[in-house]
C-alpha atoms as a PDB file:
ATOM      1  CA  MET A   1       0.352   0.082  -0.158  1.00  0.00           C
ATOM      2  CA  ALA A   2       0.976   3.533  -0.718  1.00  0.00           C
ATOM      3  CA  GLN A   3       1.615   6.135   1.970  1.00  0.00           C
ATOM      4  CA  ASN A   4       2.148   9.611   0.881  1.00  0.00           C
ATOM      5  CA  PHE A   5       5.830  10.904   1.189  1.00  0.00           C
ATOM      6  CA  HIS A   6       4.037  14.805   2.925  1.00  0.00           C
ATOM      7  CA  SER A   7       1.822  12.965   5.606  1.00  0.00           C
ATOM      8  CA  ASN A   8       4.995  12.414   7.968  1.00  0.00           C
ATOM      9  CA  SER A   9       6.459  14.750   7.132  1.00  0.00           C
ATOM     10  CA  GLN A  10       8.428  17.273   9.798  1.00  0.00           C
ATOM     11  CA  LEU A  11       9.230  20.474   6.771  1.00  0.00           C
ATOM     12  CA  PRO A  12       6.999  23.478   6.941  1.00  0.00           C
ATOM     13  CA  SER A  13       3.623  22.896   5.023  1.00  0.00           C
ATOM     14  CA  ASP A  14       5.147  25.915   2.350  1.00  0.00           C
ATOM     15  CA  ILE A  15       7.973  24.231   1.353  1.00  0.00           C
ATOM     16  CA  SER A  16       9.147  27.584  -0.804  1.00  0.00           C
ATOM     17  CA  THR A  17      10.721  29.023   2.252  1.00  0.00           C
ATOM     18  CA  ALA A  18      14.221  28.668   1.686  1.00  0.00           C
ATOM     19  CA  ILE A  19      16.715  27.278   4.445  1.00  0.00           C
ATOM     20  CA  THR A  20      20.154  29.158   3.910  1.00  0.00           C
ATOM     21  CA  ARG A  21      23.378  28.661   5.598  1.00  0.00           C
ATOM     22  CA  THR A  22      26.636  30.947   5.987  1.00  0.00           C
ATOM     23  CA  ALA A  23      30.081  29.881   6.078  1.00  0.00           C
ATOM     24  CA  LYS A  24      33.202  32.088   7.187  1.00  0.00           C
ATOM     25  CA  PRO A  25      36.461  30.505   5.812  1.00  0.00           C
ATOM     26  CA  SER A  26      38.870  31.109   8.571  1.00  0.00           C
ATOM     27  CA  SER A  27      41.970  32.900   7.696  1.00  0.00           C
ATOM     28  CA  GLU A  28      44.281  30.060   7.199  1.00  0.00           C
ATOM     29  CA  PHE A  29      41.854  28.842   4.863  1.00  0.00           C
ATOM     30  CA  TYR A  30      43.410  32.009   2.868  1.00  0.00           C
ATOM     31  CA  SER A  31      46.211  30.914   3.660  1.00  0.00           C
ATOM     32  CA  LEU A  32      46.554  27.063   1.896  1.00  0.00           C
ATOM     33  CA  PHE A  33      44.942  27.830  -0.991  1.00  0.00           C
ATOM     34  CA  SER A  34      45.775  29.797  -3.910  1.00  0.00           C
ATOM     35  CA  GLU A  35      42.961  32.359  -5.248  1.00  0.00           C
ATOM     36  CA  GLU A  36      41.673  30.019  -8.234  1.00  0.00           C
ATOM     37  CA  GLU A  37      41.906  26.984  -5.717  1.00  0.00           C
ATOM     38  CA  VAL A  38      39.501  28.926  -3.874  1.00  0.00           C
ATOM     39  CA  ILE A  39      37.071  29.976  -7.389  1.00  0.00           C
ATOM     40  CA  GLY A  40      37.490  26.231  -8.413  1.00  0.00           C
ATOM     41  CA  ILE A  41      35.775  25.532  -4.550  1.00  0.00           C
ATOM     42  CA  ILE A  42      32.793  27.364  -4.181  1.00  0.00           C
ATOM     43  CA  HIS A  43      32.089  26.696  -7.466  1.00  0.00           C
ATOM     44  CA  ALA A  44      31.619  23.271  -6.803  1.00  0.00           C
ATOM     45  CA  LEU A  45      30.173  23.621  -3.247  1.00  0.00           C
ATOM     46  CA  GLU A  46      27.519  26.483  -5.341  1.00  0.00           C
ATOM     47  CA  ILE A  47      26.406  23.143  -8.284  1.00  0.00           C
ATOM     48  CA  ARG A  48      27.768  20.159  -6.463  1.00  0.00           C
ATOM     49  CA  ARG A  49      27.806  20.665  -2.901  1.00  0.00           C
ATOM     50  CA  GLU A  50      30.430  19.462  -1.930  1.00  0.00           C
ATOM     51  CA  ILE A  51      34.085  20.362  -1.961  1.00  0.00           C
ATOM     52  CA  PRO A  52      36.107  18.372  -4.722  1.00  0.00           C
ATOM     53  CA  LEU A  53      38.427  15.826  -3.360  1.00  0.00           C
ATOM     54  CA  LYS A  54      41.526  17.023  -4.597  1.00  0.00           C
ATOM     55  CA  TYR A  55      41.852  19.562  -2.591  1.00  0.00           C
ATOM     56  CA  SER A  56      41.697  16.996   0.823  1.00  0.00           C
ATOM     57  CA  TYR A  57      45.341  16.593   0.590  1.00  0.00           C
ATOM     58  CA  LYS A  58      45.824  20.365   2.104  1.00  0.00           C
ATOM     59  CA  GLY A  59      43.359  19.396   5.390  1.00  0.00           C
END
């Protein structure tokens, strides 16, 4: 028997309300990554919502 997904959801009834999160990197972040890398990270976060693994070697 199919269940109505939305009937059990704890989301607000107005789904159009966006949840916004803002992260502010430390000054150490900017000292570890070049400007080109920072732009790449920002782009990946905007598009894929993840930081590419190729940057993990920098900690």
